[in-house]
PDB file of N, CA and C in Angstrom:
ATOM      1  N   MET A   1      88.948  91.163   2.411  1.00  0.00           N
ATOM      2  CA  MET A   1      90.313  90.727   2.582  1.00  0.00           C
ATOM      3  C   MET A   1      90.885  90.258   1.236  1.00  0.00           C
ATOM      4  N   THR A   2      90.858  91.150   0.282  1.00  0.00           N
ATOM      5  CA  THR A   2      91.242  90.753  -1.064  1.00  0.00           C
ATOM      6  C   THR A   2      92.671  91.147  -1.417  1.00  0.00           C
ATOM      7  N   MET A   3      93.170  92.251  -0.880  1.00  0.00           N
ATOM      8  CA  MET A   3      94.483  92.750  -1.263  1.00  0.00           C
ATOM      9  C   MET A   3      95.592  92.038  -0.484  1.00  0.00           C
ATOM     10  N   GLU A   4      96.781  92.018  -1.070  1.00  0.00           N
ATOM     11  CA  GLU A   4      97.915  91.392  -0.394  1.00  0.00           C
ATOM     12  C   GLU A   4      98.695  92.402   0.429  1.00  0.00           C
ATOM     13  N   ARG A   5      98.844  93.628  -0.094  1.00  0.00           N
ATOM     14  CA  ARG A   5      99.593  94.664   0.605  1.00  0.00           C
ATOM     15  C   ARG A   5      98.802  95.965   0.545  1.00  0.00           C
ATOM     16  N   ILE A   6      99.041  96.837   1.532  1.00  0.00           N
ATOM     17  CA  ILE A   6      98.303  98.088   1.630  1.00  0.00           C
ATOM     18  C   ILE A   6      99.210  99.149   2.240  1.00  0.00           C
ATOM     19  N   ARG A   7      98.919 100.403   1.943  1.00  0.00           N
ATOM     20  CA  ARG A   7      99.695 101.504   2.522  1.00  0.00           C
ATOM     21  C   ARG A   7      99.576 101.473   4.048  1.00  0.00           C
ATOM     22  N   LEU A   8     100.660 101.820   4.716  1.00  0.00           N
ATOM     23  CA  LEU A   8     100.695 101.780   6.176  1.00  0.00           C
ATOM     24  C   LEU A   8      99.650 102.699   6.789  1.00  0.00           C
ATOM     25  N   ASP A   9      99.560 103.928   6.313  1.00  0.00           N
ATOM     26  CA  ASP A   9      98.596 104.860   6.906  1.00  0.00           C
ATOM     27  C   ASP A   9      97.155 104.377   6.723  1.00  0.00           C
ATOM     28  N   LYS A  10      96.883 103.761   5.599  1.00  0.00           N
ATOM     29  CA  LYS A  10      95.535 103.245   5.337  1.00  0.00           C
ATOM     30  C   LYS A  10      95.238 102.056   6.260  1.00  0.00           C
ATOM     31  N   TRP A  11      96.221 101.173   6.465  1.00  0.00           N
ATOM     32  CA  TRP A  11      95.998 100.021   7.353  1.00  0.00           C
ATOM     33  C   TRP A  11      95.742 100.493   8.785  1.00  0.00           C
ATOM     34  N   LEU A  12      96.519 101.485   9.268  1.00  0.00           N
ATOM     35  CA  LEU A  12      96.333 101.992  10.623  1.00  0.00           C
ATOM     36  C   LEU A  12      94.930 102.562  10.812  1.00  0.00           C
ATOM     37  N   TRP A  13      94.433 103.240   9.790  1.00  0.00           N
ATOM     38  CA  TRP A  13      93.084 103.803   9.847  1.00  0.00           C
ATOM     39  C   TRP A  13      92.042 102.690   9.834  1.00  0.00           C
ATOM     40  N   MET A  14      92.224 101.710   8.950  1.00  0.00           N
ATOM     41  CA  MET A  14      91.256 100.613   8.848  1.00  0.00           C
ATOM     42  C   MET A  14      91.254  99.729  10.090  1.00  0.00           C
ATOM     43  N   ALA A  15      92.399  99.601  10.750  1.00  0.00           N
ATOM     44  CA  ALA A  15      92.493  98.798  11.967  1.00  0.00           C
ATOM     45  C   ALA A  15      92.082  99.604  13.197  1.00  0.00           C
ATOM     46  N   ARG A  16      91.645 100.841  12.973  1.00  0.00           N
ATOM     47  CA  ARG A  16      91.111 101.719  14.005  1.00  0.00           C
ATOM     48  C   ARG A  16      92.119 102.118  15.085  1.00  0.00           C
ATOM     49  N   PHE A  17      93.379 102.243  14.705  1.00  0.00           N
ATOM     50  CA  PHE A  17      94.353 102.808  15.627  1.00  0.00           C
ATOM     51  C   PHE A  17      94.263 104.329  15.621  1.00  0.00           C
ATOM     52  N   HIS A  18      93.746 104.893  14.527  1.00  0.00           N
ATOM     53  CA  HIS A  18      93.562 106.334  14.408  1.00  0.00           C
ATOM     54  C   HIS A  18      92.186 106.618  13.824  1.00  0.00           C
ATOM     55  N   LYS A  19      91.609 107.738  14.242  1.00  0.00           N
ATOM     56  CA  LYS A  19      90.247 108.064  13.851  1.00  0.00           C
ATOM     57  C   LYS A  19      90.137 108.448  12.369  1.00  0.00           C
ATOM     58  N   THR A  20      91.150 109.138  11.848  1.00  0.00           N
ATOM     59  CA  THR A  20      91.138 109.518  10.435  1.00  0.00           C
ATOM     60  C   THR A  20      92.430 109.065   9.774  1.00  0.00           C
ATOM     61  N   ARG A  21      92.408 108.997   8.471  1.00  0.00           N
ATOM     62  CA  ARG A  21      93.606 108.610   7.740  1.00  0.00           C
ATOM     63  C   ARG A  21      94.667 109.695   7.841  1.00  0.00           C
ATOM     64  N   THR A  22      94.242 110.950   7.926  1.00  0.00           N
ATOM     65  CA  THR A  22      95.181 112.055   8.092  1.00  0.00           C
ATOM     66  C   THR A  22      95.941 111.925   9.403  1.00  0.00           C
ATOM     67  N   LEU A  23      95.243 111.580  10.484  1.00  0.00           N
ATOM     68  CA  LEU A  23      95.911 111.391  11.774  1.00  0.00           C
ATOM     69  C   LEU A  23      96.887 110.214  11.719  1.00  0.00           C
ATOM     70  N   ALA A  24      96.510 109.169  11.007  1.00  0.00           N
ATOM     71  CA  ALA A  24      97.392 108.010  10.849  1.00  0.00           C
ATOM     72  C   ALA A  24      98.648 108.419  10.088  1.00  0.00           C
ATOM     73  N   ALA A  25      98.490 109.206   9.019  1.00  0.00           N
ATOM     74  CA  ALA A  25      99.638 109.658   8.227  1.00  0.00           C
ATOM     75  C   ALA A  25     100.548 110.551   9.058  1.00  0.00           C
ATOM     76  N   GLU A  26      99.964 111.428   9.877  1.00  0.00           N
ATOM     77  CA  GLU A  26     100.767 112.307  10.736  1.00  0.00           C
ATOM     78  C   GLU A  26     101.540 111.495  11.776  1.00  0.00           C
ATOM     79  N   ALA A  27     100.935 110.433  12.290  1.00  0.00           N
ATOM     80  CA  ALA A  27     101.618 109.575  13.265  1.00  0.00           C
ATOM     81  C   ALA A  27     102.827 108.893  12.624  1.00  0.00           C
ATOM     82  N   VAL A  28     102.658 108.412  11.399  1.00  0.00           N
ATOM     83  CA  VAL A  28     103.769 107.757  10.695  1.00  0.00           C
ATOM     84  C   VAL A  28     104.869 108.771  10.411  1.00  0.00           C
ATOM     85  N   ASP A  29     104.480 109.952   9.909  1.00  0.00           N
ATOM     86  CA  ASP A  29     105.463 110.993   9.601  1.00  0.00           C
ATOM     87  C   ASP A  29     106.188 111.471  10.856  1.00  0.00           C
ATOM     88  N   GLY A  30     105.496 111.448  11.990  1.00  0.00           N
ATOM     89  CA  GLY A  30     106.091 111.890  13.247  1.00  0.00           C
ATOM     90  C   GLY A  30     106.961 110.841  13.918  1.00  0.00           C
ATOM     91  N   GLY A  31     107.094 109.673  13.308  1.00  0.00           N
ATOM     92  CA  GLY A  31     107.951 108.632  13.869  1.00  0.00           C
ATOM     93  C   GLY A  31     107.317 107.820  14.971  1.00  0.00           C
ATOM     94  N   ARG A  32     105.997 107.910  15.123  1.00  0.00           N
ATOM     95  CA  ARG A  32     105.317 107.161  16.187  1.00  0.00           C
ATOM     96  C   ARG A  32     104.906 105.764  15.750  1.00  0.00           C
ATOM     97  N   VAL A  33     105.224 105.414  14.501  1.00  0.00           N
ATOM     98  CA  VAL A  33     104.935 104.068  13.997  1.00  0.00           C
ATOM     99  C   VAL A  33     106.205 103.522  13.356  1.00  0.00           C
ATOM    100  N   GLN A  34     106.567 102.297  13.740  1.00  0.00           N
ATOM    101  CA  GLN A  34     107.746 101.645  13.174  1.00  0.00           C
ATOM    102  C   GLN A  34     107.338 100.295  12.600  1.00  0.00           C
ATOM    103  N   VAL A  35     107.972  99.947  11.496  1.00  0.00           N
ATOM    104  CA  VAL A  35     107.738  98.637  10.875  1.00  0.00           C
ATOM    105  C   VAL A  35     109.051  97.875  10.959  1.00  0.00           C
ATOM    106  N   GLY A  36     109.027  96.749  11.636  1.00  0.00           N
ATOM    107  CA  GLY A  36     110.232  95.950  11.784  1.00  0.00           C
ATOM    108  C   GLY A  36     111.333  96.680  12.536  1.00  0.00           C
ATOM    109  N   GLY A  37     110.957  97.584  13.423  1.00  0.00           N
ATOM    110  CA  GLY A  37     111.935  98.295  14.241  1.00  0.00           C
ATOM    111  C   GLY A  37     112.557  99.513  13.586  1.00  0.00           C
ATOM    112  N   GLU A  38     112.107  99.892  12.407  1.00  0.00           N
ATOM    113  CA  GLU A  38     112.680 101.071  11.757  1.00  0.00           C
ATOM    114  C   GLU A  38     111.586 102.048  11.352  1.00  0.00           C
ATOM    115  N   ARG A  39     111.959 103.312  11.336  1.00  0.00           N
ATOM    116  CA  ARG A  39     111.034 104.371  10.958  1.00  0.00           C
ATOM    117  C   ARG A  39     110.801 104.309   9.445  1.00  0.00           C
ATOM    118  N   VAL A  40     109.550 104.477   9.039  1.00  0.00           N
ATOM    119  CA  VAL A  40     109.200 104.343   7.619  1.00  0.00           C
ATOM    120  C   VAL A  40     108.320 105.513   7.189  1.00  0.00           C
ATOM    121  N   ARG A  41     108.063 105.572   5.879  1.00  0.00           N
ATOM    122  CA  ARG A  41     107.175 106.590   5.332  1.00  0.00           C
ATOM    123  C   ARG A  41     105.748 106.064   5.301  1.00  0.00           C
ATOM    124  N   ARG A  42     104.804 106.980   5.185  1.00  0.00           N
ATOM    125  CA  ARG A  42     103.387 106.583   5.201  1.00  0.00           C
ATOM    126  C   ARG A  42     102.995 105.727   4.008  1.00  0.00           C
ATOM    127  N   SER A  43     103.734 105.841   2.918  1.00  0.00           N
ATOM    128  CA  SER A  43     103.403 105.089   1.708  1.00  0.00           C
ATOM    129  C   SER A  43     103.967 103.667   1.719  1.00  0.00           C
ATOM    130  N   ARG A  44     104.641 103.294   2.775  1.00  0.00           N
ATOM    131  CA  ARG A  44     105.218 101.953   2.891  1.00  0.00           C
ATOM    132  C   ARG A  44     104.117 100.910   2.794  1.00  0.00           C
ATOM    133  N   LEU A  45     104.323  99.926   1.951  1.00  0.00           N
ATOM    134  CA  LEU A  45     103.346  98.848   1.807  1.00  0.00           C
ATOM    135  C   LEU A  45     103.591  97.802   2.889  1.00  0.00           C
ATOM    136  N   VAL A  46     102.539  97.441   3.594  1.00  0.00           N
ATOM    137  CA  VAL A  46     102.635  96.425   4.643  1.00  0.00           C
ATOM    138  C   VAL A  46     101.718  95.273   4.286  1.00  0.00           C
ATOM    139  N   GLY A  47     102.041  94.121   4.819  1.00  0.00           N
ATOM    140  CA  GLY A  47     101.237  92.934   4.552  1.00  0.00           C
ATOM    141  C   GLY A  47     101.193  92.021   5.758  1.00  0.00           C
ATOM    142  N   VAL A  48     100.566  90.892   5.590  1.00  0.00           N
ATOM    143  CA  VAL A  48     100.422  89.915   6.667  1.00  0.00           C
ATOM    144  C   VAL A  48     101.811  89.471   7.128  1.00  0.00           C
ATOM    145  N   GLY A  49     102.005  89.475   8.454  1.00  0.00           N
ATOM    146  CA  GLY A  49     103.270  89.043   9.035  1.00  0.00           C
ATOM    147  C   GLY A  49     104.187  90.183   9.433  1.00  0.00           C
ATOM    148  N   ASP A  50     103.924  91.410   8.971  1.00  0.00           N
ATOM    149  CA  ASP A  50     104.759  92.550   9.351  1.00  0.00           C
ATOM    150  C   ASP A  50     104.503  92.914  10.810  1.00  0.00           C
ATOM    151  N   GLU A  51     105.585  93.277  11.519  1.00  0.00           N
ATOM    152  CA  GLU A  51     105.463  93.668  12.920  1.00  0.00           C
ATOM    153  C   GLU A  51     105.505  95.185  13.022  1.00  0.00           C
ATOM    154  N   LEU A  52     104.512  95.748  13.715  1.00  0.00           N
ATOM    155  CA  LEU A  52     104.410  97.194  13.890  1.00  0.00           C
ATOM    156  C   LEU A  52     104.551  97.552  15.351  1.00  0.00           C
ATOM    157  N   ARG A  53     105.182  98.684  15.598  1.00  0.00           N
ATOM    158  CA  ARG A  53     105.258  99.279  16.942  1.00  0.00           C
ATOM    159  C   ARG A  53     104.568 100.625  16.829  1.00  0.00           C
ATOM    160  N   ILE A  54     103.426 100.775  17.510  1.00  0.00           N
ATOM    161  CA  ILE A  54     102.576 101.949  17.375  1.00  0.00           C
ATOM    162  C   ILE A  54     102.475 102.658  18.725  1.00  0.00           C
ATOM    163  N   ARG A  55     102.937 103.915  18.777  1.00  0.00           N
ATOM    164  CA  ARG A  55     102.798 104.738  19.977  1.00  0.00           C
ATOM    165  C   ARG A  55     101.639 105.703  19.743  1.00  0.00           C
ATOM    166  N   ASN A  56     100.686 105.668  20.653  1.00  0.00           N
ATOM    167  CA  ASN A  56      99.532 106.554  20.573  1.00  0.00           C
ATOM    168  C   ASN A  56      99.352 107.171  21.952  1.00  0.00           C
ATOM    169  N   GLY A  57      99.781 108.412  22.099  1.00  0.00           N
ATOM    170  CA  GLY A  57      99.763 109.046  23.411  1.00  0.00           C
ATOM    171  C   GLY A  57     100.841 108.417  24.280  1.00  0.00           C
ATOM    172  N   ALA A  58     100.479 108.027  25.486  1.00  0.00           N
ATOM    173  CA  ALA A  58     101.443 107.425  26.405  1.00  0.00           C
ATOM    174  C   ALA A  58     101.498 105.907  26.270  1.00  0.00           C
ATOM    175  N   LEU A  59     100.641 105.338  25.432  1.00  0.00           N
ATOM    176  CA  LEU A  59     100.579 103.886  25.301  1.00  0.00           C
ATOM    177  C   LEU A  59     101.256 103.422  24.019  1.00  0.00           C
ATOM    178  N   GLU A  60     101.751 102.187  24.052  1.00  0.00           N
ATOM    179  CA  GLU A  60     102.442 101.627  22.891  1.00  0.00           C
ATOM    180  C   GLU A  60     101.948 100.205  22.634  1.00  0.00           C
ATOM    181  N   TRP A  61     101.638  99.925  21.368  1.00  0.00           N
ATOM    182  CA  TRP A  61     101.208  98.603  20.944  1.00  0.00           C
ATOM    183  C   TRP A  61     102.319  97.974  20.117  1.00  0.00           C
ATOM    184  N   VAL A  62     102.542  96.680  20.304  1.00  0.00           N
ATOM    185  CA  VAL A  62     103.431  95.900  19.449  1.00  0.00           C
ATOM    186  C   VAL A  62     102.555  94.823  18.835  1.00  0.00           C
ATOM    187  N   VAL A  63     102.284  94.962  17.525  1.00  0.00           N
ATOM    188  CA  VAL A  63     101.327  94.077  16.872  1.00  0.00           C
ATOM    189  C   VAL A  63     101.925  93.450  15.623  1.00  0.00           C
ATOM    190  N   THR A  64     101.379  92.311  15.256  1.00  0.00           N
ATOM    191  CA  THR A  64     101.713  91.637  14.009  1.00  0.00           C
ATOM    192  C   THR A  64     100.458  91.633  13.150  1.00  0.00           C
ATOM    193  N   ILE A  65     100.595  92.046  11.905  1.00  0.00           N
ATOM    194  CA  ILE A  65      99.453  92.132  10.998  1.00  0.00           C
ATOM    195  C   ILE A  65      98.977  90.718  10.652  1.00  0.00           C
ATOM    196  N   GLN A  66      97.670  90.488  10.841  1.00  0.00           N
ATOM    197  CA  GLN A  66      97.072  89.187  10.556  1.00  0.00           C
ATOM    198  C   GLN A  66      96.170  89.218   9.326  1.00  0.00           C
ATOM    199  N   GLY A  67      95.785  90.419   8.898  1.00  0.00           N
ATOM    200  CA  GLY A  67      94.882  90.507   7.758  1.00  0.00           C
ATOM    201  C   GLY A  67      94.904  91.883   7.116  1.00  0.00           C
ATOM    202  N   ILE A  68      94.517  91.917   5.848  1.00  0.00           N
ATOM    203  CA  ILE A  68      94.422  93.161   5.095  1.00  0.00           C
ATOM    204  C   ILE A  68      92.949  93.363   4.747  1.00  0.00           C
ATOM    205  N   PRO A  69      92.339  94.451   5.233  1.00  0.00           N
ATOM    206  CA  PRO A  69      90.914  94.656   4.987  1.00  0.00           C
ATOM    207  C   PRO A  69      90.649  95.245   3.601  1.00  0.00           C
ATOM    208  N   SER A  70      89.427  95.065   3.126  1.00  0.00           N
ATOM    209  CA  SER A  70      89.021  95.698   1.871  1.00  0.00           C
ATOM    210  C   SER A  70      88.267  96.991   2.151  1.00  0.00           C
ATOM    211  N   ARG A  71      87.809  97.163   3.412  1.00  0.00           N
ATOM    212  CA  ARG A  71      87.114  98.382   3.814  1.00  0.00           C
ATOM    213  C   ARG A  71      87.308  98.577   5.311  1.00  0.00           C
ATOM    214  N   ARG A  72      86.962  99.766   5.797  1.00  0.00           N
ATOM    215  CA  ARG A  72      87.042 100.032   7.234  1.00  0.00           C
ATOM    216  C   ARG A  72      85.748  99.542   7.866  1.00  0.00           C
ATOM    217  N   GLY A  73      85.844  98.477   8.615  1.00  0.00           N
ATOM    218  CA  GLY A  73      84.656  97.855   9.192  1.00  0.00           C
ATOM    219  C   GLY A  73      84.488  98.205  10.658  1.00  0.00           C
ATOM    220  N   PRO A  74      83.596  97.498  11.320  1.00  0.00           N
ATOM    221  CA  PRO A  74      83.345  97.730  12.749  1.00  0.00           C
ATOM    222  C   PRO A  74      84.547  97.308  13.600  1.00  0.00           C
ATOM    223  N   PRO A  75      84.577  97.771  14.848  1.00  0.00           N
ATOM    224  CA  PRO A  75      85.721  97.461  15.725  1.00  0.00           C
ATOM    225  C   PRO A  75      86.004  95.971  15.881  1.00  0.00           C
ATOM    226  N   ALA A  76      84.997  95.142  15.874  1.00  0.00           N
ATOM    227  CA  ALA A  76      85.224  93.702  16.012  1.00  0.00           C
ATOM    228  C   ALA A  76      86.034  93.162  14.833  1.00  0.00           C
ATOM    229  N   GLU A  77      85.729  93.635  13.632  1.00  0.00           N
ATOM    230  CA  GLU A  77      86.498  93.224  12.451  1.00  0.00           C
ATOM    231  C   GLU A  77      87.909  93.801  12.514  1.00  0.00           C
ATOM    232  N   ALA A  78      88.027  95.045  12.977  1.00  0.00           N
ATOM    233  CA  ALA A  78      89.338  95.697  13.050  1.00  0.00           C
ATOM    234  C   ALA A  78      90.258  94.969  14.021  1.00  0.00           C
ATOM    235  N   ALA A  79      89.720  94.478  15.128  1.00  0.00           N
ATOM    236  CA  ALA A  79      90.537  93.763  16.109  1.00  0.00           C
ATOM    237  C   ALA A  79      91.079  92.458  15.560  1.00  0.00           C
ATOM    238  N   ALA A  80      90.413  91.899  14.564  1.00  0.00           N
ATOM    239  CA  ALA A  80      90.862  90.643  13.964  1.00  0.00           C
ATOM    240  C   ALA A  80      91.994  90.863  12.950  1.00  0.00           C
ATOM    241  N   LEU A  81      92.309  92.115  12.651  1.00  0.00           N
ATOM    242  CA  LEU A  81      93.340  92.421  11.656  1.00  0.00           C
ATOM    243  C   LEU A  81      94.755  92.306  12.204  1.00  0.00           C
ATOM    244  N   TYR A  82      94.890  92.247  13.522  1.00  0.00           N
ATOM    245  CA  TYR A  82      96.221  92.200  14.122  1.00  0.00           C
ATOM    246  C   TYR A  82      96.214  91.336  15.368  1.00  0.00           C
ATOM    247  N   GLU A  83      97.422  90.934  15.768  1.00  0.00           N
ATOM    248  CA  GLU A  83      97.593  90.177  17.004  1.00  0.00           C
ATOM    249  C   GLU A  83      98.644  90.904  17.826  1.00  0.00           C
ATOM    250  N   GLU A  84      98.273  91.251  19.040  1.00  0.00           N
ATOM    251  CA  GLU A  84      99.191  91.978  19.913  1.00  0.00           C
ATOM    252  C   GLU A  84     100.105  90.989  20.628  1.00  0.00           C
ATOM    253  N   SER A  85     101.382  91.334  20.728  1.00  0.00           N
ATOM    254  CA  SER A  85     102.326  90.450  21.414  1.00  0.00           C
ATOM    255  C   SER A  85     102.009  90.425  22.910  1.00  0.00           C
ATOM    256  N   ALA A  86     102.298  89.307  23.548  1.00  0.00           N
ATOM    257  CA  ALA A  86     101.982  89.142  24.970  1.00  0.00           C
ATOM    258  C   ALA A  86     102.764  90.129  25.831  1.00  0.00           C
ATOM    259  N   GLU A  87     104.059  90.276  25.561  1.00  0.00           N
ATOM    260  CA  GLU A  87     104.866  91.201  26.373  1.00  0.00           C
ATOM    261  C   GLU A  87     104.441  92.648  26.128  1.00  0.00           C
ATOM    262  N   GLY A  88     104.071  92.977  24.901  1.00  0.00           N
ATOM    263  CA  GLY A  88     103.595  94.327  24.592  1.00  0.00           C
ATOM    264  C   GLY A  88     102.296  94.635  25.306  1.00  0.00           C
ATOM    265  N   ARG A  89     101.417  93.649  25.369  1.00  0.00           N
ATOM    266  CA  ARG A  89     100.131  93.831  26.052  1.00  0.00           C
ATOM    267  C   ARG A  89     100.352  94.058  27.546  1.00  0.00           C
ATOM    268  N   VAL A  90     101.253  93.271  28.153  1.00  0.00           N
ATOM    269  CA  VAL A  90     101.533  93.428  29.584  1.00  0.00           C
ATOM    270  C   VAL A  90     102.082  94.821  29.864  1.00  0.00           C
ATOM    271  N   GLN A  91     103.032  95.282  29.048  1.00  0.00           N
ATOM    272  CA  GLN A  91     103.612  96.609  29.252  1.00  0.00           C
ATOM    273  C   GLN A  91     102.567  97.701  29.058  1.00  0.00           C
ATOM    274  N   ARG A  92     101.721  97.559  28.042  1.00  0.00           N
ATOM    275  CA  ARG A  92     100.700  98.572  27.773  1.00  0.00           C
ATOM    276  C   ARG A  92      99.686  98.630  28.909  1.00  0.00           C
ATOM    277  N   GLU A  93      99.242  97.472  29.395  1.00  0.00           N
ATOM    278  CA  GLU A  93      98.281  97.442  30.493  1.00  0.00           C
ATOM    279  C   GLU A  93      98.889  97.993  31.781  1.00  0.00           C
ATOM    280  N   GLN A  94     100.185  97.712  32.000  1.00  0.00           N
ATOM    281  CA  GLN A  94     100.860  98.245  33.179  1.00  0.00           C
ATOM    282  C   GLN A  94     100.942  99.771  33.101  1.00  0.00           C
ATOM    283  N   ARG A  95     101.279 100.294  31.935  1.00  0.00           N
ATOM    284  CA  ARG A  95     101.369 101.749  31.749  1.00  0.00           C
ATOM    285  C   ARG A  95      99.996 102.388  31.920  1.00  0.00           C
ATOM    286  N   ALA A  96      98.946 101.746  31.406  1.00  0.00           N
ATOM    287  CA  ALA A  96      97.591 102.267  31.556  1.00  0.00           C
ATOM    288  C   ALA A  96      97.184 102.297  33.027  1.00  0.00           C
ATOM    289  N   ALA A  97      97.576 101.269  33.783  1.00  0.00           N
ATOM    290  CA  ALA A  97      97.266 101.238  35.218  1.00  0.00           C
ATOM    291  C   ALA A  97      98.008 102.349  35.951  1.00  0.00           C
ATOM    292  N   GLU A  98      99.260 102.598  35.568  1.00  0.00           N
ATOM    293  CA  GLU A  98     100.027 103.694  36.184  1.00  0.00           C
ATOM    294  C   GLU A  98      99.358 105.037  35.922  1.00  0.00           C
ATOM    295  N   LEU A  99      98.919 105.250  34.700  1.00  0.00           N
ATOM    296  CA  LEU A  99      98.253 106.502  34.357  1.00  0.00           C
ATOM    297  C   LEU A  99      96.942 106.660  35.116  1.00  0.00           C
ATOM    298  N   LYS A 100      96.221 105.553  35.254  1.00  0.00           N
ATOM    299  CA  LYS A 100      94.953 105.595  35.980  1.00  0.00           C
ATOM    300  C   LYS A 100      95.198 105.905  37.458  1.00  0.00           C
ATOM    301  N   ALA A 101      96.251 105.322  38.035  1.00  0.00           N
ATOM    302  CA  ALA A 101      96.571 105.577  39.442  1.00  0.00           C
ATOM    303  C   ALA A 101      96.998 107.028  39.644  1.00  0.00           C
ATOM    304  N   ALA A 102      97.767 107.562  38.706  1.00  0.00           N
ATOM    305  CA  ALA A 102      98.191 108.957  38.805  1.00  0.00           C
ATOM    306  C   ALA A 102      96.987 109.881  38.693  1.00  0.00           C
ATOM    307  N   HIS A 103      96.057 109.507  37.848  1.00  0.00           N
ATOM    308  CA  HIS A 103      94.852 110.311  37.675  1.00  0.00           C
ATOM    309  C   HIS A 103      93.988 110.250  38.941  1.00  0.00           C
ATOM    310  N   ALA A 104      93.949 109.091  39.586  1.00  0.00           N
ATOM    311  CA  ALA A 104      93.144 108.930  40.797  1.00  0.00           C
ATOM    312  C   ALA A 104      93.742 109.699  41.968  1.00  0.00           C
ATOM    313  N   ALA A 105      95.053 109.977  41.909  1.00  0.00           N
ATOM    314  CA  ALA A 105      95.703 110.703  42.995  1.00  0.00           C
ATOM    315  C   ALA A 105      95.321 112.179  43.004  1.00  0.00           C
ATOM    316  N   ASN A 106      94.688 112.640  41.949  1.00  0.00           N
ATOM    317  CA  ASN A 106      94.237 114.026  41.881  1.00  0.00           C
ATOM    318  C   ASN A 106      93.141 114.225  42.925  1.00  0.00           C
ATOM    319  N   PRO A 107      93.277 115.200  43.835  1.00  0.00           N
ATOM    320  CA  PRO A 107      92.285 115.355  44.905  1.00  0.00           C
ATOM    321  C   PRO A 107      90.897 115.735  44.395  1.00  0.00           C
ATOM    322  N   TRP A 108      90.784 116.234  43.182  1.00  0.00           N
ATOM    323  CA  TRP A 108      89.479 116.600  42.647  1.00  0.00           C
ATOM    324  C   TRP A 108      88.922 115.534  41.727  1.00  0.00           C
ATOM    325  N   GLY A 109      89.588 114.403  41.625  1.00  0.00           N
ATOM    326  CA  GLY A 109      89.075 113.305  40.824  1.00  0.00           C
ATOM    327  C   GLY A 109      89.013 113.612  39.340  1.00  0.00           C
ATOM    328  N   GLY A 110      89.967 114.389  38.858  1.00  0.00           N
ATOM    329  CA  GLY A 110      90.011 114.694  37.435  1.00  0.00           C
ATOM    330  C   GLY A 110      89.146 115.868  37.033  1.00  0.00           C
ATOM    331  N   GLN A 111      88.533 116.535  37.999  1.00  0.00           N
ATOM    332  CA  GLN A 111      87.703 117.691  37.694  1.00  0.00           C
ATOM    333  C   GLN A 111      88.454 118.971  38.005  1.00  0.00           C
ATOM    334  N   LYS A 112      87.995 120.046  37.428  1.00  0.00           N
ATOM    335  CA  LYS A 112      88.562 121.358  37.696  1.00  0.00           C
ATOM    336  C   LYS A 112      88.163 121.768  39.114  1.00  0.00           C
ATOM    337  N   PRO A 113      89.099 122.357  39.886  1.00  0.00           N
ATOM    338  CA  PRO A 113      88.731 122.806  41.235  1.00  0.00           C
ATOM    339  C   PRO A 113      87.635 123.873  41.179  1.00  0.00           C
ATOM    340  N   THR A 114      86.745 123.838  42.157  1.00  0.00           N
ATOM    341  CA  THR A 114      85.675 124.835  42.210  1.00  0.00           C
ATOM    342  C   THR A 114      86.240 126.152  42.723  1.00  0.00           C
ATOM    343  N   LYS A 115      85.426 127.176  42.645  1.00  0.00           N
ATOM    344  CA  LYS A 115      85.846 128.494  43.124  1.00  0.00           C
ATOM    345  C   LYS A 115      86.185 128.426  44.623  1.00  0.00           C
ATOM    346  N   GLN A 116      85.396 127.691  45.376  1.00  0.00           N
ATOM    347  CA  GLN A 116      85.650 127.543  46.805  1.00  0.00           C
ATOM    348  C   GLN A 116      86.971 126.799  47.045  1.00  0.00           C
ATOM    349  N   ASP A 117      87.248 125.758  46.254  1.00  0.00           N
ATOM    350  CA  ASP A 117      88.509 125.025  46.380  1.00  0.00           C
ATOM    351  C   ASP A 117      89.693 125.943  46.110  1.00  0.00           C
ATOM    352  N   ARG A 118      89.582 126.777  45.077  1.00  0.00           N
ATOM    353  CA  ARG A 118      90.678 127.695  44.752  1.00  0.00           C
ATOM    354  C   ARG A 118      90.894 128.704  45.870  1.00  0.00           C
ATOM    355  N   ARG A 119      89.833 129.200  46.446  1.00  0.00           N
ATOM    356  CA  ARG A 119      89.965 130.151  47.561  1.00  0.00           C
ATOM    357  C   ARG A 119      90.629 129.487  48.762  1.00  0.00           C
ATOM    358  N   ASN A 120      90.231 128.247  49.051  1.00  0.00           N
ATOM    359  CA  ASN A 120      90.840 127.529  50.182  1.00  0.00           C
ATOM    360  C   ASN A 120      92.333 127.288  49.930  1.00  0.00           C
ATOM    361  N   LEU A 121      92.688 126.938  48.709  1.00  0.00           N
ATOM    362  CA  LEU A 121      94.100 126.741  48.378  1.00  0.00           C
ATOM    363  C   LEU A 121      94.880 128.044  48.540  1.00  0.00           C
ATOM    364  N   ARG A 122      94.296 129.129  48.053  1.00  0.00           N
ATOM    365  CA  ARG A 122      94.960 130.436  48.168  1.00  0.00           C
ATOM    366  C   ARG A 122      95.175 130.797  49.652  1.00  0.00           C
ATOM    367  N   ARG A 123      94.168 130.565  50.481  1.00  0.00           N
ATOM    368  CA  ARG A 123      94.298 130.830  51.928  1.00  0.00           C
ATOM    369  C   ARG A 123      95.389 129.985  52.543  1.00  0.00           C
ATOM    370  N   LEU A 124      95.449 128.727  52.163  1.00  0.00           N
ATOM    371  CA  LEU A 124      96.453 127.807  52.689  1.00  0.00           C
ATOM    372  C   LEU A 124      97.849 128.260  52.291  1.00  0.00           C
ATOM    373  N   LYS A 125      98.021 128.638  51.038  1.00  0.00           N
ATOM    374  CA  LYS A 125      99.341 129.092  50.571  1.00  0.00           C
ATOM    375  C   LYS A 125      99.766 130.381  51.231  1.00  0.00           C
ATOM    376  N   ASN A 126      98.830 131.316  51.461  1.00  0.00           N
ATOM    377  CA  ASN A 126      99.164 132.602  52.073  1.00  0.00           C
ATOM    378  C   ASN A 126      99.456 132.469  53.564  1.00  0.00           C
ATOM    379  N   SER A 127      98.917 131.444  54.199  1.00  0.00           N
ATOM    380  CA  SER A 127      99.141 131.256  55.630  1.00  0.00           C
ATOM    381  C   SER A 127     100.524 130.688  55.933  1.00  0.00           C
ATOM    382  N   GLU A 128     101.159 130.097  54.948  1.00  0.00           N
ATOM    383  CA  GLU A 128     102.471 129.471  55.180  1.00  0.00           C
ATOM    384  C   GLU A 128     103.594 130.450  55.106  1.00  0.00           C
TER     385      GLU A 128
END
């Protein structure tokens, strides 16, 4: 924790929001990361106290930077680099529960239908 400011894409990678730095840079370039409510470039320097809005898939995090790492460490260290807002956490958990419920509504439990299932569906559709 020696540096005061760091590139946004590098911080996202070190905080383990993205698996590679390239993916983090693509997320910033694609507008899925905002600093202080505005779209920024990947080279934007961020520091302690900056507020980030990070969309990753269907989920969104609203976090405040608490630390600048000197290296990419284990997940426990990465979690200490930011603090998630309470309202953001509630919304993210609610969205995750909705996605899980939608996934559970799948009659095959998230698996591909078997050959027998497809034949039964075809018979059902042709009988109507």
